Amino acid sequence: MDAMREVLAILDEVLSLGGRADSFNRDTPLLGVLPELDSMAVVGVINMLEERFGFTVEDDEIDGSSFATVGSLTAFVEGKLA
């Protein structure tokens, strides 16, 4: 499984990006840069990550740095899957 590809698909779906996530790479900034990623959208992304990957995210496991870039979000997912 390609975790980054799945993360990009989730971002595209939850944020209604209309395929824009296809052009994102590991260094693409997210939180604070992508206007669609507000606090409610973060909750939606976390819920979709939990559903798609079958893990649970506890409140103290995630902070803004996890959503800093596509790479940091992918690394968070990969850490949960390890």
PDB file of N, CA and C in Angstrom:
ATOM      1  N   MET A   1       0.833  -1.178   0.000  1.00  0.00           N
ATOM      2  CA  MET A   1       0.000   0.000   0.000  1.00  0.00           C
ATOM      3  C   MET A   1       0.886   1.253   0.000  1.00  0.00           C
ATOM      4  N   ASP A   2       0.522   2.222  -0.789  1.00  0.00           N
ATOM      5  CA  ASP A   2       1.235   3.492  -0.861  1.00  0.00           C
ATOM      6  C   ASP A   2       0.506   4.487   0.048  1.00  0.00           C
ATOM      7  N   ALA A   3       1.047   4.692   1.245  1.00  0.00           N
ATOM      8  CA  ALA A   3       0.380   5.537   2.236  1.00  0.00           C
ATOM      9  C   ALA A   3       0.200   6.960   1.720  1.00  0.00           C
ATOM     10  N   MET A   4       1.196   7.502   1.030  1.00  0.00           N
ATOM     11  CA  MET A   4       1.071   8.869   0.552  1.00  0.00           C
ATOM     12  C   MET A   4      -0.049   9.001  -0.480  1.00  0.00           C
ATOM     13  N   ARG A   5      -0.153   8.042  -1.354  1.00  0.00           N
ATOM     14  CA  ARG A   5      -1.229   8.076  -2.356  1.00  0.00           C
ATOM     15  C   ARG A   5      -2.600   8.049  -1.671  1.00  0.00           C
ATOM     16  N   GLU A   6      -2.724   7.220  -0.631  1.00  0.00           N
ATOM     17  CA  GLU A   6      -3.984   7.149   0.116  1.00  0.00           C
ATOM     18  C   GLU A   6      -4.267   8.464   0.854  1.00  0.00           C
ATOM     19  N   VAL A   7      -3.230   9.045   1.460  1.00  0.00           N
ATOM     20  CA  VAL A   7      -3.389  10.316   2.164  1.00  0.00           C
ATOM     21  C   VAL A   7      -3.841  11.398   1.184  1.00  0.00           C
ATOM     22  N   LEU A   8      -3.230  11.443   0.012  1.00  0.00           N
ATOM     23  CA  LEU A   8      -3.620  12.437  -0.995  1.00  0.00           C
ATOM     24  C   LEU A   8      -5.062  12.233  -1.439  1.00  0.00           C
ATOM     25  N   ALA A   9      -5.467  10.991  -1.609  1.00  0.00           N
ATOM     26  CA  ALA A   9      -6.847  10.698  -2.003  1.00  0.00           C
ATOM     27  C   ALA A   9      -7.821  11.160  -0.921  1.00  0.00           C
ATOM     28  N   ILE A  10      -7.463  10.949   0.334  1.00  0.00           N
ATOM     29  CA  ILE A  10      -8.316  11.380   1.442  1.00  0.00           C
ATOM     30  C   ILE A  10      -8.404  12.901   1.484  1.00  0.00           C
ATOM     31  N   LEU A  11      -7.265  13.567   1.359  1.00  0.00           N
ATOM     32  CA  LEU A  11      -7.277  15.028   1.343  1.00  0.00           C
ATOM     33  C   LEU A  11      -8.152  15.551   0.212  1.00  0.00           C
ATOM     34  N   ASP A  12      -8.001  14.960  -0.968  1.00  0.00           N
ATOM     35  CA  ASP A  12      -8.772  15.403  -2.128  1.00  0.00           C
ATOM     36  C   ASP A  12     -10.266  15.222  -1.895  1.00  0.00           C
ATOM     37  N   GLU A  13     -10.620  14.087  -1.312  1.00  0.00           N
ATOM     38  CA  GLU A  13     -12.035  13.791  -1.075  1.00  0.00           C
ATOM     39  C   GLU A  13     -12.635  14.663   0.026  1.00  0.00           C
ATOM     40  N   VAL A  14     -11.991  14.695   1.178  1.00  0.00           N
ATOM     41  CA  VAL A  14     -12.543  15.413   2.330  1.00  0.00           C
ATOM     42  C   VAL A  14     -12.575  16.922   2.089  1.00  0.00           C
ATOM     43  N   LEU A  15     -11.539  17.436   1.423  1.00  0.00           N
ATOM     44  CA  LEU A  15     -11.451  18.882   1.210  1.00  0.00           C
ATOM     45  C   LEU A  15     -12.095  19.327  -0.103  1.00  0.00           C
ATOM     46  N   SER A  16     -12.652  18.369  -0.851  1.00  0.00           N
ATOM     47  CA  SER A  16     -13.287  18.665  -2.143  1.00  0.00           C
ATOM     48  C   SER A  16     -12.351  19.462  -3.055  1.00  0.00           C
ATOM     49  N   LEU A  17     -11.147  18.927  -3.248  1.00  0.00           N
ATOM     50  CA  LEU A  17     -10.131  19.622  -4.031  1.00  0.00           C
ATOM     51  C   LEU A  17     -10.255  19.386  -5.533  1.00  0.00           C
ATOM     52  N   GLY A  18     -11.129  18.499  -5.938  1.00  0.00           N
ATOM     53  CA  GLY A  18     -11.350  18.273  -7.358  1.00  0.00           C
ATOM     54  C   GLY A  18     -10.122  17.819  -8.120  1.00  0.00           C
ATOM     55  N   GLY A  19      -9.295  16.990  -7.493  1.00  0.00           N
ATOM     56  CA  GLY A  19      -8.112  16.458  -8.150  1.00  0.00           C
ATOM     57  C   GLY A  19      -6.848  17.269  -7.931  1.00  0.00           C
ATOM     58  N   ARG A  20      -6.939  18.411  -7.265  1.00  0.00           N
ATOM     59  CA  ARG A  20      -5.746  19.242  -7.032  1.00  0.00           C
ATOM     60  C   ARG A  20      -4.683  18.522  -6.215  1.00  0.00           C
ATOM     61  N   ALA A  21      -5.091  17.600  -5.359  1.00  0.00           N
ATOM     62  CA  ALA A  21      -4.121  16.893  -4.525  1.00  0.00           C
ATOM     63  C   ALA A  21      -3.167  16.041  -5.359  1.00  0.00           C
ATOM     64  N   ASP A  22      -3.540  15.717  -6.593  1.00  0.00           N
ATOM     65  CA  ASP A  22      -2.659  14.935  -7.461  1.00  0.00           C
ATOM     66  C   ASP A  22      -1.337  15.644  -7.730  1.00  0.00           C
ATOM     67  N   SER A  23      -1.330  16.963  -7.619  1.00  0.00           N
ATOM     68  CA  SER A  23      -0.103  17.724  -7.876  1.00  0.00           C
ATOM     69  C   SER A  23       0.717  17.964  -6.611  1.00  0.00           C
ATOM     70  N   PHE A  24       0.225  17.512  -5.461  1.00  0.00           N
ATOM     71  CA  PHE A  24       0.935  17.693  -4.200  1.00  0.00           C
ATOM     72  C   PHE A  24       2.093  16.709  -4.103  1.00  0.00           C
ATOM     73  N   ASN A  25       3.158  17.113  -3.384  1.00  0.00           N
ATOM     74  CA  ASN A  25       4.263  16.207  -3.080  1.00  0.00           C
ATOM     75  C   ASN A  25       4.506  16.235  -1.574  1.00  0.00           C
ATOM     76  N   ARG A  26       5.513  15.523  -1.107  1.00  0.00           N
ATOM     77  CA  ARG A  26       5.772  15.410   0.336  1.00  0.00           C
ATOM     78  C   ARG A  26       5.985  16.767   1.001  1.00  0.00           C
ATOM     79  N   ASP A  27       6.507  17.739   0.247  1.00  0.00           N
ATOM     80  CA  ASP A  27       6.830  19.049   0.814  1.00  0.00           C
ATOM     81  C   ASP A  27       5.688  20.056   0.726  1.00  0.00           C
ATOM     82  N   THR A  28       4.569  19.668   0.143  1.00  0.00           N
ATOM     83  CA  THR A  28       3.438  20.590   0.000  1.00  0.00           C
ATOM     84  C   THR A  28       2.898  20.955   1.383  1.00  0.00           C
ATOM     85  N   PRO A  29       2.904  22.253   1.712  1.00  0.00           N
ATOM     86  CA  PRO A  29       2.376  22.667   3.015  1.00  0.00           C
ATOM     87  C   PRO A  29       0.861  22.536   3.053  1.00  0.00           C
ATOM     88  N   LEU A  30       0.343  22.225   4.227  1.00  0.00           N
ATOM     89  CA  LEU A  30      -1.095  22.029   4.399  1.00  0.00           C
ATOM     90  C   LEU A  30      -1.691  23.047   5.369  1.00  0.00           C
ATOM     91  N   LEU A  31      -1.578  22.780   6.656  1.00  0.00           N
ATOM     92  CA  LEU A  31      -2.232  23.588   7.691  1.00  0.00           C
ATOM     93  C   LEU A  31      -1.706  25.022   7.655  1.00  0.00           C
ATOM     94  N   GLY A  32      -2.625  25.969   7.553  1.00  0.00           N
ATOM     95  CA  GLY A  32      -2.251  27.376   7.515  1.00  0.00           C
ATOM     96  C   GLY A  32      -1.987  27.892   6.113  1.00  0.00           C
ATOM     97  N   VAL A  33      -1.902  26.992   5.138  1.00  0.00           N
ATOM     98  CA  VAL A  33      -1.643  27.390   3.760  1.00  0.00           C
ATOM     99  C   VAL A  33      -2.809  27.001   2.852  1.00  0.00           C
ATOM    100  N   LEU A  34      -3.323  25.826   3.051  1.00  0.00           N
ATOM    101  CA  LEU A  34      -4.434  25.319   2.245  1.00  0.00           C
ATOM    102  C   LEU A  34      -5.741  25.806   2.883  1.00  0.00           C
ATOM    103  N   PRO A  35      -6.432  26.768   2.240  1.00  0.00           N
ATOM    104  CA  PRO A  35      -7.607  27.364   2.877  1.00  0.00           C
ATOM    105  C   PRO A  35      -8.720  26.366   3.194  1.00  0.00           C
ATOM    106  N   GLU A  36      -8.802  25.299   2.440  1.00  0.00           N
ATOM    107  CA  GLU A  36      -9.844  24.299   2.680  1.00  0.00           C
ATOM    108  C   GLU A  36      -9.612  23.512   3.965  1.00  0.00           C
ATOM    109  N   LEU A  37      -8.391  23.529   4.480  1.00  0.00           N
ATOM    110  CA  LEU A  37      -8.055  22.725   5.662  1.00  0.00           C
ATOM    111  C   LEU A  37      -8.231  23.566   6.924  1.00  0.00           C
ATOM    112  N   ASP A  38      -9.485  23.727   7.330  1.00  0.00           N
ATOM    113  CA  ASP A  38      -9.783  24.425   8.578  1.00  0.00           C
ATOM    114  C   ASP A  38      -9.958  23.391   9.691  1.00  0.00           C
ATOM    115  N   SER A  39     -10.321  23.842  10.873  1.00  0.00           N
ATOM    116  CA  SER A  39     -10.396  22.921  12.018  1.00  0.00           C
ATOM    117  C   SER A  39     -11.429  21.818  11.805  1.00  0.00           C
ATOM    118  N   MET A  40     -12.537  22.133  11.190  1.00  0.00           N
ATOM    119  CA  MET A  40     -13.544  21.101  10.927  1.00  0.00           C
ATOM    120  C   MET A  40     -13.042  20.097   9.897  1.00  0.00           C
ATOM    121  N   ALA A  41     -12.307  20.580   8.908  1.00  0.00           N
ATOM    122  CA  ALA A  41     -11.764  19.688   7.887  1.00  0.00           C
ATOM    123  C   ALA A  41     -10.713  18.754   8.487  1.00  0.00           C
ATOM    124  N   VAL A  42      -9.940  19.247   9.445  1.00  0.00           N
ATOM    125  CA  VAL A  42      -8.946  18.398  10.116  1.00  0.00           C
ATOM    126  C   VAL A  42      -9.650  17.216  10.767  1.00  0.00           C
ATOM    127  N   VAL A  43     -10.767  17.473  11.429  1.00  0.00           N
ATOM    128  CA  VAL A  43     -11.536  16.399  12.063  1.00  0.00           C
ATOM    129  C   VAL A  43     -12.018  15.408  11.002  1.00  0.00           C
ATOM    130  N   GLY A  44     -12.482  15.923   9.878  1.00  0.00           N
ATOM    131  CA  GLY A  44     -12.933  15.054   8.791  1.00  0.00           C
ATOM    132  C   GLY A  44     -11.811  14.200   8.231  1.00  0.00           C
ATOM    133  N   VAL A  45     -10.631  14.789   8.085  1.00  0.00           N
ATOM    134  CA  VAL A  45      -9.479  14.038   7.584  1.00  0.00           C
ATOM    135  C   VAL A  45      -9.099  12.939   8.572  1.00  0.00           C
ATOM    136  N   ILE A  46      -9.056  13.285   9.849  1.00  0.00           N
ATOM    137  CA  ILE A  46      -8.714  12.284  10.868  1.00  0.00           C
ATOM    138  C   ILE A  46      -9.735  11.139  10.852  1.00  0.00           C
ATOM    139  N   ASN A  47     -11.006  11.469  10.779  1.00  0.00           N
ATOM    140  CA  ASN A  47     -12.036  10.427  10.727  1.00  0.00           C
ATOM    141  C   ASN A  47     -11.858   9.520   9.518  1.00  0.00           C
ATOM    142  N   MET A  48     -11.559  10.112   8.372  1.00  0.00           N
ATOM    143  CA  MET A  48     -11.372   9.320   7.159  1.00  0.00           C
ATOM    144  C   MET A  48     -10.100   8.469   7.249  1.00  0.00           C
ATOM    145  N   LEU A  49      -9.038   9.008   7.843  1.00  0.00           N
ATOM    146  CA  LEU A  49      -7.814   8.218   8.036  1.00  0.00           C
ATOM    147  C   LEU A  49      -8.115   6.997   8.904  1.00  0.00           C
ATOM    148  N   GLU A  50      -8.847   7.213   9.982  1.00  0.00           N
ATOM    149  CA  GLU A  50      -9.203   6.111  10.877  1.00  0.00           C
ATOM    150  C   GLU A  50     -10.015   5.054  10.136  1.00  0.00           C
ATOM    151  N   GLU A  51     -10.970   5.503   9.363  1.00  0.00           N
ATOM    152  CA  GLU A  51     -11.832   4.580   8.630  1.00  0.00           C
ATOM    153  C   GLU A  51     -11.061   3.823   7.552  1.00  0.00           C
ATOM    154  N   ARG A  52     -10.273   4.539   6.777  1.00  0.00           N
ATOM    155  CA  ARG A  52      -9.568   3.929   5.644  1.00  0.00           C
ATOM    156  C   ARG A  52      -8.468   2.981   6.098  1.00  0.00           C
ATOM    157  N   PHE A  53      -7.730   3.370   7.145  1.00  0.00           N
ATOM    158  CA  PHE A  53      -6.576   2.581   7.569  1.00  0.00           C
ATOM    159  C   PHE A  53      -6.868   1.651   8.748  1.00  0.00           C
ATOM    160  N   GLY A  54      -8.007   1.819   9.401  1.00  0.00           N
ATOM    161  CA  GLY A  54      -8.378   0.922  10.481  1.00  0.00           C
ATOM    162  C   GLY A  54      -7.638   1.135  11.781  1.00  0.00           C
ATOM    163  N   PHE A  55      -7.218   2.361  12.045  1.00  0.00           N
ATOM    164  CA  PHE A  55      -6.601   2.657  13.334  1.00  0.00           C
ATOM    165  C   PHE A  55      -7.396   3.746  14.028  1.00  0.00           C
ATOM    166  N   THR A  56      -7.054   3.986  15.301  1.00  0.00           N
ATOM    167  CA  THR A  56      -7.705   5.025  16.085  1.00  0.00           C
ATOM    168  C   THR A  56      -6.686   6.085  16.438  1.00  0.00           C
ATOM    169  N   VAL A  57      -7.084   7.341  16.312  1.00  0.00           N
ATOM    170  CA  VAL A  57      -6.219   8.462  16.670  1.00  0.00           C
ATOM    171  C   VAL A  57      -6.723   9.043  17.981  1.00  0.00           C
ATOM    172  N   GLU A  58      -5.885   8.975  18.998  1.00  0.00           N
ATOM    173  CA  GLU A  58      -6.222   9.554  20.300  1.00  0.00           C
ATOM    174  C   GLU A  58      -5.943  11.055  20.265  1.00  0.00           C
ATOM    175  N   ASP A  59      -6.648  11.812  21.087  1.00  0.00           N
ATOM    176  CA  ASP A  59      -6.515  13.269  21.102  1.00  0.00           C
ATOM    177  C   ASP A  59      -5.081  13.736  21.315  1.00  0.00           C
ATOM    178  N   ASP A  60      -4.334  13.036  22.156  1.00  0.00           N
ATOM    179  CA  ASP A  60      -2.976  13.469  22.461  1.00  0.00           C
ATOM    180  C   ASP A  60      -1.936  12.976  21.452  1.00  0.00           C
ATOM    181  N   GLU A  61      -2.353  12.269  20.424  1.00  0.00           N
ATOM    182  CA  GLU A  61      -1.426  11.741  19.426  1.00  0.00           C
ATOM    183  C   GLU A  61      -1.144  12.701  18.276  1.00  0.00           C
ATOM    184  N   ILE A  62      -1.980  13.671  18.113  1.00  0.00           N
ATOM    185  CA  ILE A  62      -1.877  14.504  16.926  1.00  0.00           C
ATOM    186  C   ILE A  62      -1.870  15.975  17.314  1.00  0.00           C
ATOM    187  N   ASP A  63      -1.067  16.739  16.585  1.00  0.00           N
ATOM    188  CA  ASP A  63      -1.046  18.187  16.780  1.00  0.00           C
ATOM    189  C   ASP A  63      -0.828  18.844  15.421  1.00  0.00           C
ATOM    190  N   GLY A  64      -0.679  20.134  15.409  1.00  0.00           N
ATOM    191  CA  GLY A  64      -0.540  20.873  14.162  1.00  0.00           C
ATOM    192  C   GLY A  64       0.632  20.431  13.321  1.00  0.00           C
ATOM    193  N   SER A  65       1.700  19.975  13.959  1.00  0.00           N
ATOM    194  CA  SER A  65       2.879  19.560  13.183  1.00  0.00           C
ATOM    195  C   SER A  65       2.585  18.342  12.313  1.00  0.00           C
ATOM    196  N   SER A  66       1.634  17.528  12.705  1.00  0.00           N
ATOM    197  CA  SER A  66       1.260  16.368  11.895  1.00  0.00           C
ATOM    198  C   SER A  66       0.623  16.795  10.580  1.00  0.00           C
ATOM    199  N   PHE A  67       0.002  17.972  10.583  1.00  0.00           N
ATOM    200  CA  PHE A  67      -0.662  18.487   9.390  1.00  0.00           C
ATOM    201  C   PHE A  67       0.149  19.589   8.714  1.00  0.00           C
ATOM    202  N   ALA A  68       1.429  19.705   9.049  1.00  0.00           N
ATOM    203  CA  ALA A  68       2.256  20.763   8.467  1.00  0.00           C
ATOM    204  C   ALA A  68       2.434  20.581   6.957  1.00  0.00           C
ATOM    205  N   THR A  69       2.734  19.361   6.540  1.00  0.00           N
ATOM    206  CA  THR A  69       2.956  19.069   5.121  1.00  0.00           C
ATOM    207  C   THR A  69       2.339  17.715   4.784  1.00  0.00           C
ATOM    208  N   VAL A  70       2.267  17.433   3.502  1.00  0.00           N
ATOM    209  CA  VAL A  70       1.822  16.107   3.071  1.00  0.00           C
ATOM    210  C   VAL A  70       2.742  15.049   3.657  1.00  0.00           C
ATOM    211  N   GLY A  71       4.037  15.317   3.676  1.00  0.00           N
ATOM    212  CA  GLY A  71       5.010  14.366   4.202  1.00  0.00           C
ATOM    213  C   GLY A  71       4.824  14.096   5.683  1.00  0.00           C
ATOM    214  N   SER A  72       4.554  15.135   6.470  1.00  0.00           N
ATOM    215  CA  SER A  72       4.378  14.922   7.910  1.00  0.00           C
ATOM    216  C   SER A  72       3.086  14.155   8.191  1.00  0.00           C
ATOM    217  N   LEU A  73       2.056  14.399   7.410  1.00  0.00           N
ATOM    218  CA  LEU A  73       0.811  13.652   7.593  1.00  0.00           C
ATOM    219  C   LEU A  73       0.993  12.198   7.173  1.00  0.00           C
ATOM    220  N   THR A  74       1.714  11.989   6.085  1.00  0.00           N
ATOM    221  CA  THR A  74       2.006  10.623   5.639  1.00  0.00           C
ATOM    222  C   THR A  74       2.848   9.883   6.672  1.00  0.00           C
ATOM    223  N   ALA A  75       3.838  10.573   7.240  1.00  0.00           N
ATOM    224  CA  ALA A  75       4.683   9.956   8.266  1.00  0.00           C
ATOM    225  C   ALA A  75       3.860   9.586   9.500  1.00  0.00           C
ATOM    226  N   PHE A  76       2.889  10.429   9.861  1.00  0.00           N
ATOM    227  CA  PHE A  76       2.016  10.094  10.970  1.00  0.00           C
ATOM    228  C   PHE A  76       1.251   8.811  10.691  1.00  0.00           C
ATOM    229  N   VAL A  77       0.683   8.717   9.492  1.00  0.00           N
ATOM    230  CA  VAL A  77      -0.065   7.521   9.103  1.00  0.00           C
ATOM    231  C   VAL A  77       0.847   6.300   9.115  1.00  0.00           C
ATOM    232  N   GLU A  78       2.026   6.418   8.532  1.00  0.00           N
ATOM    233  CA  GLU A  78       2.963   5.286   8.489  1.00  0.00           C
ATOM    234  C   GLU A  78       3.355   4.854   9.899  1.00  0.00           C
ATOM    235  N   GLY A  79       3.506   5.811  10.815  1.00  0.00           N
ATOM    236  CA  GLY A  79       3.814   5.484  12.202  1.00  0.00           C
ATOM    237  C   GLY A  79       2.683   4.712  12.866  1.00  0.00           C
ATOM    238  N   LYS A  80       1.453   5.109  12.567  1.00  0.00           N
ATOM    239  CA  LYS A  80       0.302   4.399  13.133  1.00  0.00           C
ATOM    240  C   LYS A  80       0.187   2.987  12.571  1.00  0.00           C
ATOM    241  N   LEU A  81       0.606   2.790  11.336  1.00  0.00           N
ATOM    242  CA  LEU A  81       0.504   1.480  10.701  1.00  0.00           C
ATOM    243  C   LEU A  81       1.635   0.549  11.092  1.00  0.00           C
ATOM    244  N   ALA A  82       2.724   1.091  11.620  1.00  0.00           N
ATOM    245  CA  ALA A  82       3.895   0.269  11.941  1.00  0.00           C
ATOM    246  C   ALA A  82       3.650  -0.610  13.152  1.00  0.00           C
TER     247      ALA A  82
END
